[in-house]
Amino acid sequence: MKSIYNGVLLCLLTVAAASFFVFSKNTTITTTELKVGEPIESVLVPDQISEIGLLGKNIFELKCQSCHGINAAGRHEIGPPLVHKIYEPSHHSDQSFYRAVALGVKSHHWPFGNMAAVEGLTKGDVKAIISYVRELQRENGIL
């Protein structure tokens, strides 16, 4: 009876370990082959960007690009890509962008550390940045 118990226990532990490996794989982003500052994602840019999206692009380039990369592709070991499934509206709503700019963000998906609040942006500026990012996401099949 003890050998059956040990066999069942071993099977359960094996299934638990395999499940942990499979499911935890999707929560950690690996970018070990990149050099510091290189883009994390390959981002397609739409042929046409709306007027508010173009305004957002300009603001993004001034205030966000140094960490989040050109076209929000991220920068290895510096900042995460915003053109990534993690940032789709069902997981990170537009409101989360407003909050991130106003309050900063504690690191929770990526190993880049905490994001500080961004000074000098109005709600209108953030709305334009969100429009730009959402247009990039749409072009890349995220929306």
Protein backbone atom coordinates (compact mmCIF):
# COMPACT_ATOMS: atom_id res chain seq x y z
CA MET A 1 0.00 0.00 0.00
CA LYS A 2 2.87 2.36 0.82
CA SER A 3 4.39 1.85 -2.66
CA ILE A 4 1.05 2.78 -4.31
CA TYR A 5 0.87 5.91 -2.16
CA ASN A 6 4.46 6.82 -3.11
CA GLY A 7 3.71 6.20 -6.79
CA VAL A 8 0.62 8.42 -6.72
CA LEU A 9 2.52 11.11 -4.83
CA LEU A 10 5.36 10.97 -7.37
CA CYS A 11 2.86 11.30 -10.25
CA LEU A 12 1.16 14.28 -8.62
CA LEU A 13 4.48 16.01 -8.00
CA THR A 14 5.53 15.38 -11.60
CA VAL A 15 2.27 16.83 -12.95
CA ALA A 16 2.56 19.83 -10.63
CA ALA A 17 6.16 20.49 -11.68
CA ALA A 18 5.31 20.14 -15.38
CA SER A 19 2.31 22.45 -15.00
CA PHE A 20 4.41 25.04 -13.22
CA PHE A 21 7.01 24.90 -15.99
CA VAL A 22 4.46 25.19 -18.80
CA PHE A 23 2.33 27.94 -17.25
CA SER A 24 5.16 30.00 -15.78
CA LYS A 25 6.87 30.11 -19.16
CA ASN A 26 4.26 32.56 -20.46
CA THR A 27 4.70 35.04 -17.63
CA THR A 28 8.43 35.63 -17.99
CA ILE A 29 9.74 37.44 -21.01
CA THR A 30 13.18 36.28 -22.06
CA THR A 31 15.38 38.60 -24.07
CA THR A 32 18.82 37.22 -23.24
CA GLU A 33 20.10 37.32 -26.82
CA LEU A 34 19.71 41.10 -27.06
CA LYS A 35 22.23 43.79 -26.25
CA VAL A 36 21.36 46.55 -23.79
CA GLY A 37 19.04 49.09 -25.41
CA GLU A 38 18.11 46.98 -28.43
CA PRO A 39 14.40 46.74 -29.35
CA ILE A 40 12.59 43.90 -27.60
CA GLU A 41 9.76 43.61 -30.13
CA SER A 42 9.63 44.01 -33.89
CA VAL A 43 6.90 46.60 -34.43
CA LEU A 44 4.98 47.22 -37.63
CA VAL A 45 4.01 50.87 -38.12
CA PRO A 46 0.67 51.70 -39.78
CA ASP A 47 0.81 53.37 -43.19
CA GLN A 48 -1.46 56.10 -41.83
CA ILE A 49 -1.69 57.36 -38.27
CA SER A 50 -4.58 59.54 -37.12
CA GLU A 51 -4.04 63.21 -36.32
CA ILE A 52 -4.23 62.57 -32.56
CA GLY A 53 -1.98 59.53 -33.03
CA LEU A 54 0.65 61.70 -34.76
CA LEU A 55 0.49 64.16 -31.89
CA GLY A 56 0.88 61.22 -29.51
CA LYS A 57 3.85 59.94 -31.51
CA ASN A 58 5.61 63.29 -31.14
CA ILE A 59 4.96 63.42 -27.40
CA PHE A 60 5.93 59.75 -27.02
CA GLU A 61 9.26 60.43 -28.75
CA LEU A 62 10.00 63.26 -26.31
CA LYS A 63 8.78 61.71 -23.06
CA CYS A 64 8.58 57.92 -23.43
CA GLN A 65 10.88 56.67 -26.16
CA SER A 66 14.08 56.80 -24.09
CA CYS A 67 12.73 53.91 -21.99
CA HIS A 68 9.98 52.30 -24.10
CA GLY A 69 11.92 52.43 -27.38
CA ILE A 70 11.23 53.57 -30.91
CA ASN A 71 7.60 52.85 -31.81
CA ALA A 72 7.09 51.46 -28.28
CA ALA A 73 9.16 48.36 -29.13
CA GLY A 74 10.84 48.37 -25.71
CA ARG A 75 14.55 48.56 -24.94
CA HIS A 76 16.37 45.52 -23.58
CA GLU A 77 17.30 46.00 -19.92
CA ILE A 78 15.89 49.56 -20.00
CA GLY A 79 12.10 49.52 -20.49
CA PRO A 80 9.26 47.29 -21.68
CA PRO A 81 7.54 47.33 -25.06
CA LEU A 82 4.04 48.79 -25.05
CA VAL A 83 3.30 46.99 -28.32
CA HIS A 84 2.87 43.70 -26.51
CA LYS A 85 -0.11 41.53 -25.60
CA ILE A 86 0.37 42.39 -21.91
CA TYR A 87 -0.72 45.96 -22.72
CA GLU A 88 -3.91 45.09 -24.61
CA PRO A 89 -6.92 47.05 -23.31
CA SER A 90 -8.46 44.04 -21.57
CA HIS A 91 -5.40 43.81 -19.30
CA HIS A 92 -4.10 47.40 -19.27
CA SER A 93 -6.95 49.79 -19.96
CA ASP A 94 -6.40 53.36 -21.08
CA GLN A 95 -6.86 54.34 -17.43
CA SER A 96 -3.76 52.34 -16.51
CA PHE A 97 -1.72 54.56 -18.85
CA TYR A 98 -3.10 57.71 -17.19
CA ARG A 99 -2.26 56.27 -13.77
CA ALA A 100 1.24 55.20 -14.84
CA VAL A 101 2.05 58.71 -16.06
CA ALA A 102 0.57 60.43 -13.01
CA LEU A 103 1.69 58.05 -10.26
CA GLY A 104 4.38 55.81 -11.70
CA VAL A 105 4.18 52.02 -11.68
CA LYS A 106 5.63 49.35 -9.44
CA SER A 107 7.37 46.71 -11.57
CA HIS A 108 5.07 43.71 -12.01
CA HIS A 109 5.45 42.15 -15.49
CA TRP A 110 9.00 42.96 -16.44
CA PRO A 111 12.41 43.02 -14.71
CA PHE A 112 13.15 46.67 -15.50
CA GLY A 113 12.35 48.10 -12.10
CA ASN A 114 9.71 50.64 -11.17
CA MET A 115 8.55 53.39 -13.52
CA ALA A 116 8.61 56.91 -12.09
CA ALA A 117 5.74 59.31 -12.72
CA VAL A 118 6.25 61.41 -15.85
CA GLU A 119 6.31 65.16 -15.22
CA GLY A 120 4.89 67.78 -17.55
CA LEU A 121 2.19 65.83 -19.38
CA THR A 122 -1.45 66.89 -19.50
CA LYS A 123 -4.36 64.46 -19.71
CA GLY A 124 -4.66 65.50 -23.36
CA ASP A 125 -1.02 64.58 -23.94
CA VAL A 126 -1.56 61.16 -22.39
CA LYS A 127 -4.73 60.66 -24.45
CA ALA A 128 -2.70 61.33 -27.60
CA ILE A 129 0.05 58.92 -26.49
CA ILE A 130 -2.56 56.24 -25.81
CA SER A 131 -4.03 56.78 -29.29
CA TYR A 132 -0.59 56.34 -30.83
CA VAL A 133 0.15 53.18 -28.82
CA ARG A 134 -3.27 51.67 -29.57
CA GLU A 135 -2.80 52.34 -33.30
CA LEU A 136 0.56 50.56 -33.16
CA GLN A 137 -1.03 47.69 -31.25
CA ARG A 138 -3.84 47.42 -33.80
CA GLU A 139 -1.32 47.27 -36.66
CA ASN A 140 0.48 44.47 -34.82
CA GLY A 141 -2.64 42.37 -34.21
CA ILE A 142 -2.95 43.13 -30.50
CA LEU A 143 -6.36 44.89 -30.65
